[in-house]
Amino acid sequence: MGARTTWQIKTETGNAVTWLYSHWGGESKLSDTKRALQEAEPRWADTSYGARIFISQIVGELWNSELGFGITSGEENNPPFEEEYDYVKVDFTTQTITYGAFVFSFGNFVELEAMSNAMSETNS
């Protein structure tokens, strides 16, 4: 079974992207995306370093595991892996994130999530 999900990560103009696959990451995709993007903030303008930090934060402590994650290059909007959750494109060239049908700047995405978390805690 699993909770299969992918991230499309763009670091150059054109159609080439990096695809990150997680076998179990679908349930926590929104929070993982937010956290990884926050950790990459010092390098948002440096596409290769920003992408590396983002991917490292998603994979976390499982770098040495044989299972759980896959990574490949490919064409934009042509996922090589299964997707059971929201579509996510992290575009370091424009510093935008597409999450499902919505497009945010990196800063707005992080702020939106922070506000959402604060509101959830207040309503608890």
PDB file of N, CA and C in Angstrom:
ATOM      1  N   MET A   1       0.841  -1.173   0.000  1.00  0.00           N
ATOM      2  CA  MET A   1       0.000   0.000   0.000  1.00  0.00           C
ATOM      3  C   MET A   1       0.889   1.240   0.000  1.00  0.00           C
ATOM      4  N   GLY A   2       0.862   2.033   1.051  1.00  0.00           N
ATOM      5  CA  GLY A   2       1.693   3.235   1.111  1.00  0.00           C
ATOM      6  C   GLY A   2       0.870   4.499   1.021  1.00  0.00           C
ATOM      7  N   ALA A   3       1.557   5.603   0.967  1.00  0.00           N
ATOM      8  CA  ALA A   3       0.967   6.933   0.808  1.00  0.00           C
ATOM      9  C   ALA A   3       1.828   7.656  -0.219  1.00  0.00           C
ATOM     10  N   ARG A   4       1.790   7.165  -1.430  1.00  0.00           N
ATOM     11  CA  ARG A   4       2.707   7.589  -2.497  1.00  0.00           C
ATOM     12  C   ARG A   4       2.481   9.040  -2.909  1.00  0.00           C
ATOM     13  N   THR A   5       3.588   9.763  -3.009  1.00  0.00           N
ATOM     14  CA  THR A   5       3.494  11.160  -3.423  1.00  0.00           C
ATOM     15  C   THR A   5       4.798  11.606  -4.053  1.00  0.00           C
ATOM     16  N   THR A   6       4.739  12.700  -4.798  1.00  0.00           N
ATOM     17  CA  THR A   6       5.919  13.222  -5.477  1.00  0.00           C
ATOM     18  C   THR A   6       6.002  14.740  -5.328  1.00  0.00           C
ATOM     19  N   TRP A   7       7.209  15.237  -5.510  1.00  0.00           N
ATOM     20  CA  TRP A   7       7.470  16.677  -5.615  1.00  0.00           C
ATOM     21  C   TRP A   7       8.213  16.897  -6.919  1.00  0.00           C
ATOM     22  N   GLN A   8       7.790  17.886  -7.675  1.00  0.00           N
ATOM     23  CA  GLN A   8       8.496  18.314  -8.887  1.00  0.00           C
ATOM     24  C   GLN A   8       9.343  19.513  -8.489  1.00  0.00           C
ATOM     25  N   ILE A   9      10.652  19.432  -8.685  1.00  0.00           N
ATOM     26  CA  ILE A   9      11.564  20.477  -8.235  1.00  0.00           C
ATOM     27  C   ILE A   9      12.291  21.042  -9.445  1.00  0.00           C
ATOM     28  N   LYS A  10      12.120  22.336  -9.657  1.00  0.00           N
ATOM     29  CA  LYS A  10      12.664  23.002 -10.842  1.00  0.00           C
ATOM     30  C   LYS A  10      13.799  23.933 -10.420  1.00  0.00           C
ATOM     31  N   THR A  11      14.955  23.772 -11.082  1.00  0.00           N
ATOM     32  CA  THR A  11      16.112  24.608 -10.768  1.00  0.00           C
ATOM     33  C   THR A  11      16.672  25.344 -11.977  1.00  0.00           C
ATOM     34  N   GLU A  12      16.143  25.075 -13.156  1.00  0.00           N
ATOM     35  CA  GLU A  12      16.618  25.698 -14.391  1.00  0.00           C
ATOM     36  C   GLU A  12      15.417  26.067 -15.244  1.00  0.00           C
ATOM     37  N   THR A  13      15.582  27.036 -16.149  1.00  0.00           N
ATOM     38  CA  THR A  13      14.528  27.330 -17.106  1.00  0.00           C
ATOM     39  C   THR A  13      14.439  26.171 -18.098  1.00  0.00           C
ATOM     40  N   GLY A  14      13.310  26.016 -18.745  1.00  0.00           N
ATOM     41  CA  GLY A  14      13.104  24.902 -19.663  1.00  0.00           C
ATOM     42  C   GLY A  14      12.227  23.837 -19.030  1.00  0.00           C
ATOM     43  N   ASN A  15      12.214  22.641 -19.615  1.00  0.00           N
ATOM     44  CA  ASN A  15      11.333  21.565 -19.160  1.00  0.00           C
ATOM     45  C   ASN A  15      11.970  20.576 -18.203  1.00  0.00           C
ATOM     46  N   ALA A  16      13.258  20.672 -17.944  1.00  0.00           N
ATOM     47  CA  ALA A  16      13.932  19.695 -17.085  1.00  0.00           C
ATOM     48  C   ALA A  16      13.619  19.958 -15.612  1.00  0.00           C
ATOM     49  N   VAL A  17      13.289  18.889 -14.887  1.00  0.00           N
ATOM     50  CA  VAL A  17      13.014  18.980 -13.454  1.00  0.00           C
ATOM     51  C   VAL A  17      13.586  17.752 -12.749  1.00  0.00           C
ATOM     52  N   THR A  18      13.656  17.856 -11.450  1.00  0.00           N
ATOM     53  CA  THR A  18      13.993  16.723 -10.600  1.00  0.00           C
ATOM     54  C   THR A  18      12.706  16.259  -9.941  1.00  0.00           C
ATOM     55  N   TRP A  19      12.491  14.961  -9.931  1.00  0.00           N
ATOM     56  CA  TRP A  19      11.327  14.381  -9.284  1.00  0.00           C
ATOM     57  C   TRP A  19      11.766  13.654  -8.020  1.00  0.00           C
ATOM     58  N   LEU A  20      11.109  13.955  -6.919  1.00  0.00           N
ATOM     59  CA  LEU A  20      11.344  13.269  -5.650  1.00  0.00           C
ATOM     60  C   LEU A  20      10.097  12.480  -5.316  1.00  0.00           C
ATOM     61  N   TYR A  21      10.260  11.204  -5.051  1.00  0.00           N
ATOM     62  CA  TYR A  21       9.158  10.303  -4.732  1.00  0.00           C
ATOM     63  C   TYR A  21       9.276   9.852  -3.286  1.00  0.00           C
ATOM     64  N   SER A  22       8.164   9.817  -2.593  1.00  0.00           N
ATOM     65  CA  SER A  22       8.111   9.261  -1.247  1.00  0.00           C
ATOM     66  C   SER A  22       7.018   8.200  -1.207  1.00  0.00           C
ATOM     67  N   HIS A  23       7.380   7.028  -0.747  1.00  0.00           N
ATOM     68  CA  HIS A  23       6.411   5.933  -0.662  1.00  0.00           C
ATOM     69  C   HIS A  23       5.413   6.156   0.476  1.00  0.00           C
ATOM     70  N   TRP A  24       5.850   6.839   1.528  1.00  0.00           N
ATOM     71  CA  TRP A  24       5.007   7.005   2.712  1.00  0.00           C
ATOM     72  C   TRP A  24       4.707   8.457   3.041  1.00  0.00           C
ATOM     73  N   GLY A  25       5.085   9.433   2.212  1.00  0.00           N
ATOM     74  CA  GLY A  25       5.019  10.843   2.582  1.00  0.00           C
ATOM     75  C   GLY A  25       3.733  11.586   2.297  1.00  0.00           C
ATOM     76  N   GLY A  26       2.749  10.950   1.711  1.00  0.00           N
ATOM     77  CA  GLY A  26       1.541  11.665   1.317  1.00  0.00           C
ATOM     78  C   GLY A  26       0.768  12.303   2.450  1.00  0.00           C
ATOM     79  N   GLU A  27       0.647  11.594   3.554  1.00  0.00           N
ATOM     80  CA  GLU A  27      -0.143  12.100   4.686  1.00  0.00           C
ATOM     81  C   GLU A  27       0.456  13.370   5.284  1.00  0.00           C
ATOM     82  N   SER A  28       1.766  13.499   5.244  1.00  0.00           N
ATOM     83  CA  SER A  28       2.425  14.663   5.845  1.00  0.00           C
ATOM     84  C   SER A  28       2.988  15.611   4.787  1.00  0.00           C
ATOM     85  N   LYS A  29       2.533  15.506   3.558  1.00  0.00           N
ATOM     86  CA  LYS A  29       3.106  16.263   2.456  1.00  0.00           C
ATOM     87  C   LYS A  29       3.054  17.771   2.672  1.00  0.00           C
ATOM     88  N   LEU A  30       1.927  18.291   3.120  1.00  0.00           N
ATOM     89  CA  LEU A  30       1.798  19.731   3.318  1.00  0.00           C
ATOM     90  C   LEU A  30       2.784  20.228   4.372  1.00  0.00           C
ATOM     91  N   SER A  31       2.808  19.591   5.523  1.00  0.00           N
ATOM     92  CA  SER A  31       3.717  20.042   6.590  1.00  0.00           C
ATOM     93  C   SER A  31       5.176  19.797   6.220  1.00  0.00           C
ATOM     94  N   ASP A  32       5.466  18.693   5.556  1.00  0.00           N
ATOM     95  CA  ASP A  32       6.843  18.415   5.126  1.00  0.00           C
ATOM     96  C   ASP A  32       7.321  19.437   4.104  1.00  0.00           C
ATOM     97  N   THR A  33       6.441  19.815   3.183  1.00  0.00           N
ATOM     98  CA  THR A  33       6.786  20.799   2.163  1.00  0.00           C
ATOM     99  C   THR A  33       7.078  22.140   2.814  1.00  0.00           C
ATOM    100  N   LYS A  34       6.231  22.550   3.723  1.00  0.00           N
ATOM    101  CA  LYS A  34       6.420  23.818   4.436  1.00  0.00           C
ATOM    102  C   LYS A  34       7.746  23.825   5.203  1.00  0.00           C
ATOM    103  N   ARG A  35       7.996  22.778   5.960  1.00  0.00           N
ATOM    104  CA  ARG A  35       9.210  22.699   6.772  1.00  0.00           C
ATOM    105  C   ARG A  35      10.460  22.690   5.901  1.00  0.00           C
ATOM    106  N   ALA A  36      10.445  21.907   4.826  1.00  0.00           N
ATOM    107  CA  ALA A  36      11.605  21.822   3.940  1.00  0.00           C
ATOM    108  C   ALA A  36      11.862  23.158   3.251  1.00  0.00           C
ATOM    109  N   LEU A  37      10.798  23.828   2.857  1.00  0.00           N
ATOM    110  CA  LEU A  37      10.946  25.135   2.211  1.00  0.00           C
ATOM    111  C   LEU A  37      11.491  26.169   3.196  1.00  0.00           C
ATOM    112  N   GLN A  38      11.041  26.120   4.435  1.00  0.00           N
ATOM    113  CA  GLN A  38      11.566  27.034   5.462  1.00  0.00           C
ATOM    114  C   GLN A  38      13.053  26.801   5.687  1.00  0.00           C
ATOM    115  N   GLU A  39      13.466  25.555   5.747  1.00  0.00           N
ATOM    116  CA  GLU A  39      14.881  25.235   5.971  1.00  0.00           C
ATOM    117  C   GLU A  39      15.746  25.691   4.799  1.00  0.00           C
ATOM    118  N   ALA A  40      15.181  25.689   3.608  1.00  0.00           N
ATOM    119  CA  ALA A  40      15.930  26.094   2.411  1.00  0.00           C
ATOM    120  C   ALA A  40      15.944  27.605   2.214  1.00  0.00           C
ATOM    121  N   GLU A  41      15.220  28.359   3.034  1.00  0.00           N
ATOM    122  CA  GLU A  41      15.084  29.805   2.819  1.00  0.00           C
ATOM    123  C   GLU A  41      16.401  30.552   2.629  1.00  0.00           C
ATOM    124  N   PRO A  42      17.444  30.266   3.379  1.00  0.00           N
ATOM    125  CA  PRO A  42      18.689  31.013   3.151  1.00  0.00           C
ATOM    126  C   PRO A  42      19.244  30.843   1.732  1.00  0.00           C
ATOM    127  N   ARG A  43      18.801  29.808   1.016  1.00  0.00           N
ATOM    128  CA  ARG A  43      19.316  29.537  -0.330  1.00  0.00           C
ATOM    129  C   ARG A  43      18.220  29.544  -1.394  1.00  0.00           C
ATOM    130  N   TRP A  44      17.101  30.191  -1.137  1.00  0.00           N
ATOM    131  CA  TRP A  44      16.038  30.254  -2.138  1.00  0.00           C
ATOM    132  C   TRP A  44      16.548  30.811  -3.461  1.00  0.00           C
ATOM    133  N   ALA A  45      17.446  31.767  -3.430  1.00  0.00           N
ATOM    134  CA  ALA A  45      17.952  32.398  -4.658  1.00  0.00           C
ATOM    135  C   ALA A  45      19.075  31.581  -5.314  1.00  0.00           C
ATOM    136  N   ASP A  46      19.558  30.566  -4.660  1.00  0.00           N
ATOM    137  CA  ASP A  46      20.611  29.696  -5.196  1.00  0.00           C
ATOM    138  C   ASP A  46      19.951  28.357  -5.525  1.00  0.00           C
ATOM    139  N   THR A  47      19.525  28.206  -6.767  1.00  0.00           N
ATOM    140  CA  THR A  47      18.640  27.097  -7.127  1.00  0.00           C
ATOM    141  C   THR A  47      19.178  25.717  -6.761  1.00  0.00           C
ATOM    142  N   SER A  48      20.447  25.457  -7.025  1.00  0.00           N
ATOM    143  CA  SER A  48      20.967  24.116  -6.759  1.00  0.00           C
ATOM    144  C   SER A  48      21.093  23.833  -5.260  1.00  0.00           C
ATOM    145  N   TYR A  49      21.558  24.809  -4.495  1.00  0.00           N
ATOM    146  CA  TYR A  49      21.652  24.618  -3.055  1.00  0.00           C
ATOM    147  C   TYR A  49      20.266  24.576  -2.415  1.00  0.00           C
ATOM    148  N   GLY A  50      19.375  25.448  -2.868  1.00  0.00           N
ATOM    149  CA  GLY A  50      18.013  25.456  -2.340  1.00  0.00           C
ATOM    150  C   GLY A  50      17.325  24.121  -2.563  1.00  0.00           C
ATOM    151  N   ALA A  51      17.464  23.568  -3.756  1.00  0.00           N
ATOM    152  CA  ALA A  51      16.850  22.278  -4.071  1.00  0.00           C
ATOM    153  C   ALA A  51      17.464  21.164  -3.227  1.00  0.00           C
ATOM    154  N   ARG A  52      18.779  21.200  -3.064  1.00  0.00           N
ATOM    155  CA  ARG A  52      19.438  20.163  -2.250  1.00  0.00           C
ATOM    156  C   ARG A  52      18.959  20.209  -0.813  1.00  0.00           C
ATOM    157  N   ILE A  53      18.846  21.399  -0.248  1.00  0.00           N
ATOM    158  CA  ILE A  53      18.362  21.527   1.126  1.00  0.00           C
ATOM    159  C   ILE A  53      16.919  21.042   1.210  1.00  0.00           C
ATOM    160  N   PHE A  54      16.083  21.445   0.261  1.00  0.00           N
ATOM    161  CA  PHE A  54      14.683  21.020   0.253  1.00  0.00           C
ATOM    162  C   PHE A  54      14.590  19.494   0.231  1.00  0.00           C
ATOM    163  N   ILE A  55      15.289  18.862  -0.700  1.00  0.00           N
ATOM    164  CA  ILE A  55      15.244  17.399  -0.811  1.00  0.00           C
ATOM    165  C   ILE A  55      15.787  16.746   0.456  1.00  0.00           C
ATOM    166  N   SER A  56      16.887  17.263   0.985  1.00  0.00           N
ATOM    167  CA  SER A  56      17.466  16.701   2.213  1.00  0.00           C
ATOM    168  C   SER A  56      16.475  16.743   3.367  1.00  0.00           C
ATOM    169  N   GLN A  57      15.736  17.825   3.471  1.00  0.00           N
ATOM    170  CA  GLN A  57      14.766  17.964   4.550  1.00  0.00           C
ATOM    171  C   GLN A  57      13.583  17.011   4.374  1.00  0.00           C
ATOM    172  N   ILE A  58      13.169  16.770   3.155  1.00  0.00           N
ATOM    173  CA  ILE A  58      12.079  15.819   2.921  1.00  0.00           C
ATOM    174  C   ILE A  58      12.535  14.401   3.283  1.00  0.00           C
ATOM    175  N   VAL A  59      13.707  14.003   2.823  1.00  0.00           N
ATOM    176  CA  VAL A  59      14.204  12.653   3.076  1.00  0.00           C
ATOM    177  C   VAL A  59      14.601  12.481   4.536  1.00  0.00           C
ATOM    178  N   GLY A  60      15.180  13.511   5.120  1.00  0.00           N
ATOM    179  CA  GLY A  60      15.528  13.474   6.539  1.00  0.00           C
ATOM    180  C   GLY A  60      16.516  12.384   6.888  1.00  0.00           C
ATOM    181  N   GLU A  61      16.240  11.659   7.940  1.00  0.00           N
ATOM    182  CA  GLU A  61      17.148  10.635   8.469  1.00  0.00           C
ATOM    183  C   GLU A  61      17.161   9.353   7.638  1.00  0.00           C
ATOM    184  N   LEU A  62      16.348   9.281   6.598  1.00  0.00           N
ATOM    185  CA  LEU A  62      16.245   8.051   5.824  1.00  0.00           C
ATOM    186  C   LEU A  62      17.212   7.970   4.641  1.00  0.00           C
ATOM    187  N   TRP A  63      18.222   8.845   4.591  1.00  0.00           N
ATOM    188  CA  TRP A  63      19.178   8.818   3.480  1.00  0.00           C
ATOM    189  C   TRP A  63      19.860   7.472   3.337  1.00  0.00           C
ATOM    190  N   ASN A  64      20.089   6.782   4.411  1.00  0.00           N
ATOM    191  CA  ASN A  64      20.796   5.507   4.348  1.00  0.00           C
ATOM    192  C   ASN A  64      19.861   4.317   4.170  1.00  0.00           C
ATOM    193  N   SER A  65      18.568   4.566   4.094  1.00  0.00           N
ATOM    194  CA  SER A  65      17.591   3.497   3.934  1.00  0.00           C
ATOM    195  C   SER A  65      17.491   3.078   2.470  1.00  0.00           C
ATOM    196  N   GLU A  66      17.327   1.807   2.266  1.00  0.00           N
ATOM    197  CA  GLU A  66      17.173   1.280   0.912  1.00  0.00           C
ATOM    198  C   GLU A  66      15.785   1.587   0.350  1.00  0.00           C
ATOM    199  N   LEU A  67      14.825   1.768   1.212  1.00  0.00           N
ATOM    200  CA  LEU A  67      13.436   1.929   0.805  1.00  0.00           C
ATOM    201  C   LEU A  67      12.889   3.308   1.172  1.00  0.00           C
ATOM    202  N   GLY A  68      11.791   3.670   0.556  1.00  0.00           N
ATOM    203  CA  GLY A  68      11.056   4.851   0.978  1.00  0.00           C
ATOM    204  C   GLY A  68      11.081   6.033   0.040  1.00  0.00           C
ATOM    205  N   PHE A  69      12.198   6.250  -0.673  1.00  0.00           N
ATOM    206  CA  PHE A  69      12.321   7.429  -1.532  1.00  0.00           C
ATOM    207  C   PHE A  69      12.971   7.067  -2.858  1.00  0.00           C
ATOM    208  N   GLY A  70      12.615   7.839  -3.877  1.00  0.00           N
ATOM    209  CA  GLY A  70      13.246   7.727  -5.181  1.00  0.00           C
ATOM    210  C   GLY A  70      13.491   9.126  -5.718  1.00  0.00           C
ATOM    211  N   ILE A  71      14.468   9.262  -6.574  1.00  0.00           N
ATOM    212  CA  ILE A  71      14.776  10.560  -7.175  1.00  0.00           C
ATOM    213  C   ILE A  71      15.228  10.317  -8.606  1.00  0.00           C
ATOM    214  N   THR A  72      14.740  11.159  -9.498  1.00  0.00           N
ATOM    215  CA  THR A  72      15.136  11.054 -10.902  1.00  0.00           C
ATOM    216  C   THR A  72      14.949  12.409 -11.571  1.00  0.00           C
ATOM    217  N   SER A  73      15.505  12.546 -12.739  1.00  0.00           N
ATOM    218  CA  SER A  73      15.266  13.748 -13.534  1.00  0.00           C
ATOM    219  C   SER A  73      14.274  13.391 -14.628  1.00  0.00           C
ATOM    220  N   GLY A  74      13.632  14.400 -15.162  1.00  0.00           N
ATOM    221  CA  GLY A  74      12.657  14.154 -16.211  1.00  0.00           C
ATOM    222  C   GLY A  74      12.094  15.456 -16.733  1.00  0.00           C
ATOM    223  N   GLU A  75      10.950  15.341 -17.370  1.00  0.00           N
ATOM    224  CA  GLU A  75      10.295  16.503 -17.941  1.00  0.00           C
ATOM    225  C   GLU A  75       9.230  17.040 -16.994  1.00  0.00           C
ATOM    226  N   GLU A  76       9.077  18.348 -17.047  1.00  0.00           N
ATOM    227  CA  GLU A  76       8.062  19.031 -16.269  1.00  0.00           C
ATOM    228  C   GLU A  76       6.682  18.449 -16.605  1.00  0.00           C
ATOM    229  N   ASN A  77       5.851  18.327 -15.585  1.00  0.00           N
ATOM    230  CA  ASN A  77       4.457  17.872 -15.727  1.00  0.00           C
ATOM    231  C   ASN A  77       4.316  16.469 -16.308  1.00  0.00           C
ATOM    232  N   ASN A  78       5.345  15.639 -16.192  1.00  0.00           N
ATOM    233  CA  ASN A  78       5.295  14.261 -16.662  1.00  0.00           C
ATOM    234  C   ASN A  78       5.859  13.350 -15.570  1.00  0.00           C
ATOM    235  N   PRO A  79       5.107  13.187 -14.476  1.00  0.00           N
ATOM    236  CA  PRO A  79       5.633  12.456 -13.320  1.00  0.00           C
ATOM    237  C   PRO A  79       5.947  10.993 -13.631  1.00  0.00           C
ATOM    238  N   PRO A  80       7.129  10.546 -13.249  1.00  0.00           N
ATOM    239  CA  PRO A  80       7.502   9.154 -13.480  1.00  0.00           C
ATOM    240  C   PRO A  80       7.044   8.238 -12.342  1.00  0.00           C
ATOM    241  N   PHE A  81       6.485   8.811 -11.285  1.00  0.00           N
ATOM    242  CA  PHE A  81       6.066   8.049 -10.111  1.00  0.00           C
ATOM    243  C   PHE A  81       4.562   8.219  -9.884  1.00  0.00           C
ATOM    244  N   GLU A  82       3.996   7.336  -9.082  1.00  0.00           N
ATOM    245  CA  GLU A  82       2.589   7.451  -8.706  1.00  0.00           C
ATOM    246  C   GLU A  82       2.360   8.670  -7.829  1.00  0.00           C
ATOM    247  N   GLU A  83       1.178   9.248  -7.950  1.00  0.00           N
ATOM    248  CA  GLU A  83       0.788  10.375  -7.096  1.00  0.00           C
ATOM    249  C   GLU A  83      -0.606  10.105  -6.561  1.00  0.00           C
ATOM    250  N   GLU A  84      -0.723  10.034  -5.238  1.00  0.00           N
ATOM    251  CA  GLU A  84      -2.016   9.805  -4.602  1.00  0.00           C
ATOM    252  C   GLU A  84      -2.510  11.036  -3.849  1.00  0.00           C
ATOM    253  N   TYR A  85      -1.729  12.109  -3.868  1.00  0.00           N
ATOM    254  CA  TYR A  85      -2.062  13.310  -3.097  1.00  0.00           C
ATOM    255  C   TYR A  85      -1.977  14.540  -3.992  1.00  0.00           C
ATOM    256  N   ASP A  86      -1.928  15.724  -3.380  1.00  0.00           N
ATOM    257  CA  ASP A  86      -1.886  16.965  -4.138  1.00  0.00           C
ATOM    258  C   ASP A  86      -0.602  17.091  -4.955  1.00  0.00           C
ATOM    259  N   TYR A  87      -0.758  17.627  -6.156  1.00  0.00           N
ATOM    260  CA  TYR A  87       0.367  17.949  -7.030  1.00  0.00           C
ATOM    261  C   TYR A  87       1.162  19.084  -6.383  1.00  0.00           C
ATOM    262  N   VAL A  88       2.493  18.947  -6.353  1.00  0.00           N
ATOM    263  CA  VAL A  88       3.339  20.007  -5.825  1.00  0.00           C
ATOM    264  C   VAL A  88       4.523  20.234  -6.762  1.00  0.00           C
ATOM    265  N   LYS A  89       4.689  21.506  -7.127  1.00  0.00           N
ATOM    266  CA  LYS A  89       5.847  21.924  -7.919  1.00  0.00           C
ATOM    267  C   LYS A  89       6.570  22.998  -7.124  1.00  0.00           C
ATOM    268  N   VAL A  90       7.833  22.750  -6.836  1.00  0.00           N
ATOM    269  CA  VAL A  90       8.678  23.708  -6.136  1.00  0.00           C
ATOM    270  C   VAL A  90       9.616  24.291  -7.180  1.00  0.00           C
ATOM    271  N   ASP A  91       9.406  25.559  -7.514  1.00  0.00           N
ATOM    272  CA  ASP A  91      10.147  26.182  -8.613  1.00  0.00           C
ATOM    273  C   ASP A  91      11.123  27.218  -8.047  1.00  0.00           C
ATOM    274  N   PHE A  92      12.384  26.833  -7.965  1.00  0.00           N
ATOM    275  CA  PHE A  92      13.395  27.746  -7.436  1.00  0.00           C
ATOM    276  C   PHE A  92      13.750  28.847  -8.437  1.00  0.00           C
ATOM    277  N   THR A  93      13.410  28.674  -9.714  1.00  0.00           N
ATOM    278  CA  THR A  93      13.721  29.706 -10.700  1.00  0.00           C
ATOM    279  C   THR A  93      12.810  30.920 -10.554  1.00  0.00           C
ATOM    280  N   THR A  94      11.594  30.698 -10.086  1.00  0.00           N
ATOM    281  CA  THR A  94      10.643  31.796  -9.889  1.00  0.00           C
ATOM    282  C   THR A  94      10.290  31.992  -8.421  1.00  0.00           C
ATOM    283  N   GLN A  95      10.835  31.146  -7.560  1.00  0.00           N
ATOM    284  CA  GLN A  95      10.542  31.140  -6.129  1.00  0.00           C
ATOM    285  C   GLN A  95       9.037  31.068  -5.887  1.00  0.00           C
ATOM    286  N   THR A  96       8.419  30.119  -6.614  1.00  0.00           N
ATOM    287  CA  THR A  96       6.989  29.870  -6.429  1.00  0.00           C
ATOM    288  C   THR A  96       6.764  28.402  -6.135  1.00  0.00           C
ATOM    289  N   ILE A  97       5.666  28.138  -5.469  1.00  0.00           N
ATOM    290  CA  ILE A  97       5.256  26.776  -5.205  1.00  0.00           C
ATOM    291  C   ILE A  97       3.825  26.619  -5.673  1.00  0.00           C
ATOM    292  N   THR A  98       3.603  25.576  -6.453  1.00  0.00           N
ATOM    293  CA  THR A  98       2.255  25.220  -6.879  1.00  0.00           C
ATOM    294  C   THR A  98       1.836  24.049  -6.008  1.00  0.00           C
ATOM    295  N   TYR A  99       0.759  24.230  -5.279  1.00  0.00           N
ATOM    296  CA  TYR A  99       0.253  23.176  -4.393  1.00  0.00           C
ATOM    297  C   TYR A  99      -1.188  22.925  -4.799  1.00  0.00           C
ATOM    298  N   GLY A 100      -1.428  21.797  -5.444  1.00  0.00           N
ATOM    299  CA  GLY A 100      -2.751  21.540  -6.002  1.00  0.00           C
ATOM    300  C   GLY A 100      -3.037  22.575  -7.072  1.00  0.00           C
ATOM    301  N   ALA A 101      -4.154  23.273  -6.939  1.00  0.00           N
ATOM    302  CA  ALA A 101      -4.552  24.279  -7.930  1.00  0.00           C
ATOM    303  C   ALA A 101      -4.051  25.675  -7.591  1.00  0.00           C
ATOM    304  N   PHE A 102      -3.302  25.831  -6.501  1.00  0.00           N
ATOM    305  CA  PHE A 102      -2.901  27.150  -6.019  1.00  0.00           C
ATOM    306  C   PHE A 102      -1.420  27.401  -6.254  1.00  0.00           C
ATOM    307  N   VAL A 103      -1.090  28.656  -6.574  1.00  0.00           N
ATOM    308  CA  VAL A 103       0.302  29.062  -6.766  1.00  0.00           C
ATOM    309  C   VAL A 103       0.614  30.166  -5.759  1.00  0.00           C
ATOM    310  N   PHE A 104       1.713  29.999  -5.023  1.00  0.00           N
ATOM    311  CA  PHE A 104       2.149  30.949  -4.000  1.00  0.00           C
ATOM    312  C   PHE A 104       3.605  31.294  -4.221  1.00  0.00           C
ATOM    313  N   SER A 105       3.999  32.484  -3.784  1.00  0.00           N
ATOM    314  CA  SER A 105       5.435  32.736  -3.654  1.00  0.00           C
ATOM    315  C   SER A 105       5.914  31.877  -2.488  1.00  0.00           C
ATOM    316  N   PHE A 106       7.208  31.595  -2.442  1.00  0.00           N
ATOM    317  CA  PHE A 106       7.736  30.824  -1.319  1.00  0.00           C
ATOM    318  C   PHE A 106       7.354  31.486   0.008  1.00  0.00           C
ATOM    319  N   GLY A 107       7.586  32.800   0.097  1.00  0.00           N
ATOM    320  CA  GLY A 107       7.300  33.519   1.332  1.00  0.00           C
ATOM    321  C   GLY A 107       5.835  33.446   1.725  1.00  0.00           C
ATOM    322  N   ASN A 108       4.945  33.626   0.762  1.00  0.00           N
ATOM    323  CA  ASN A 108       3.512  33.555   1.057  1.00  0.00           C
ATOM    324  C   ASN A 108       3.086  32.158   1.476  1.00  0.00           C
ATOM    325  N   PHE A 109       3.664  31.131   0.863  1.00  0.00           N
ATOM    326  CA  PHE A 109       3.328  29.754   1.234  1.00  0.00           C
ATOM    327  C   PHE A 109       3.717  29.480   2.680  1.00  0.00           C
ATOM    328  N   VAL A 110       4.914  29.872   3.057  1.00  0.00           N
ATOM    329  CA  VAL A 110       5.378  29.660   4.424  1.00  0.00           C
ATOM    330  C   VAL A 110       4.515  30.459   5.407  1.00  0.00           C
ATOM    331  N   GLU A 111       4.198  31.711   5.086  1.00  0.00           N
ATOM    332  CA  GLU A 111       3.359  32.532   5.955  1.00  0.00           C
ATOM    333  C   GLU A 111       1.944  31.982   6.049  1.00  0.00           C
ATOM    334  N   LEU A 112       1.382  31.549   4.944  1.00  0.00           N
ATOM    335  CA  LEU A 112       0.042  30.987   4.925  1.00  0.00           C
ATOM    336  C   LEU A 112      -0.042  29.783   5.844  1.00  0.00           C
ATOM    337  N   GLU A 113       0.949  28.925   5.769  1.00  0.00           N
ATOM    338  CA  GLU A 113       0.967  27.755   6.624  1.00  0.00           C
ATOM    339  C   GLU A 113       1.143  28.128   8.092  1.00  0.00           C
ATOM    340  N   ALA A 114       1.982  29.119   8.367  1.00  0.00           N
ATOM    341  CA  ALA A 114       2.180  29.560   9.755  1.00  0.00           C
ATOM    342  C   ALA A 114       0.874  30.103  10.324  1.00  0.00           C
ATOM    343  N   MET A 115       0.139  30.890   9.523  1.00  0.00           N
ATOM    344  CA  MET A 115      -1.147  31.419   9.976  1.00  0.00           C
ATOM    345  C   MET A 115      -2.138  30.292  10.193  1.00  0.00           C
ATOM    346  N   SER A 116      -2.180  29.336   9.296  1.00  0.00           N
ATOM    347  CA  SER A 116      -3.093  28.208   9.411  1.00  0.00           C
ATOM    348  C   SER A 116      -2.809  27.408  10.679  1.00  0.00           C
ATOM    349  N   ASN A 117      -1.527  27.172  10.966  1.00  0.00           N
ATOM    350  CA  ASN A 117      -1.158  26.443  12.183  1.00  0.00           C
ATOM    351  C   ASN A 117      -1.534  27.220  13.428  1.00  0.00           C
ATOM    352  N   ALA A 118      -1.308  28.512  13.424  1.00  0.00           N
ATOM    353  CA  ALA A 118      -1.653  29.360  14.579  1.00  0.00           C
ATOM    354  C   ALA A 118      -3.154  29.355  14.808  1.00  0.00           C
ATOM    355  N   MET A 119      -3.934  29.432  13.725  1.00  0.00           N
ATOM    356  CA  MET A 119      -5.382  29.414  13.854  1.00  0.00           C
ATOM    357  C   MET A 119      -5.872  28.084  14.392  1.00  0.00           C
ATOM    358  N   SER A 120      -5.264  26.992  13.964  1.00  0.00           N
ATOM    359  CA  SER A 120      -5.640  25.660  14.458  1.00  0.00           C
ATOM    360  C   SER A 120      -5.382  25.541  15.947  1.00  0.00           C
ATOM    361  N   GLU A 121      -4.230  26.061  16.402  1.00  0.00           N
ATOM    362  CA  GLU A 121      -3.897  26.002  17.831  1.00  0.00           C
ATOM    363  C   GLU A 121      -4.845  26.865  18.655  1.00  0.00           C
ATOM    364  N   THR A 122      -5.238  28.017  18.125  1.00  0.00           N
ATOM    365  CA  THR A 122      -6.148  28.920  18.820  1.00  0.00           C
ATOM    366  C   THR A 122      -7.536  28.302  18.959  1.00  0.00           C
ATOM    367  N   ASN A 123      -7.964  27.575  17.933  1.00  0.00           N
ATOM    368  CA  ASN A 123      -9.302  26.981  17.931  1.00  0.00           C
ATOM    369  C   ASN A 123      -9.368  25.667  18.703  1.00  0.00           C
ATOM    370  N   SER A 124      -8.248  25.174  19.188  1.00  0.00           N
ATOM    371  CA  SER A 124      -8.222  23.896  19.925  1.00  0.00           C
ATOM    372  C   SER A 124      -8.644  24.064  21.345  1.00  0.00           C
TER     373      SER A 124
END
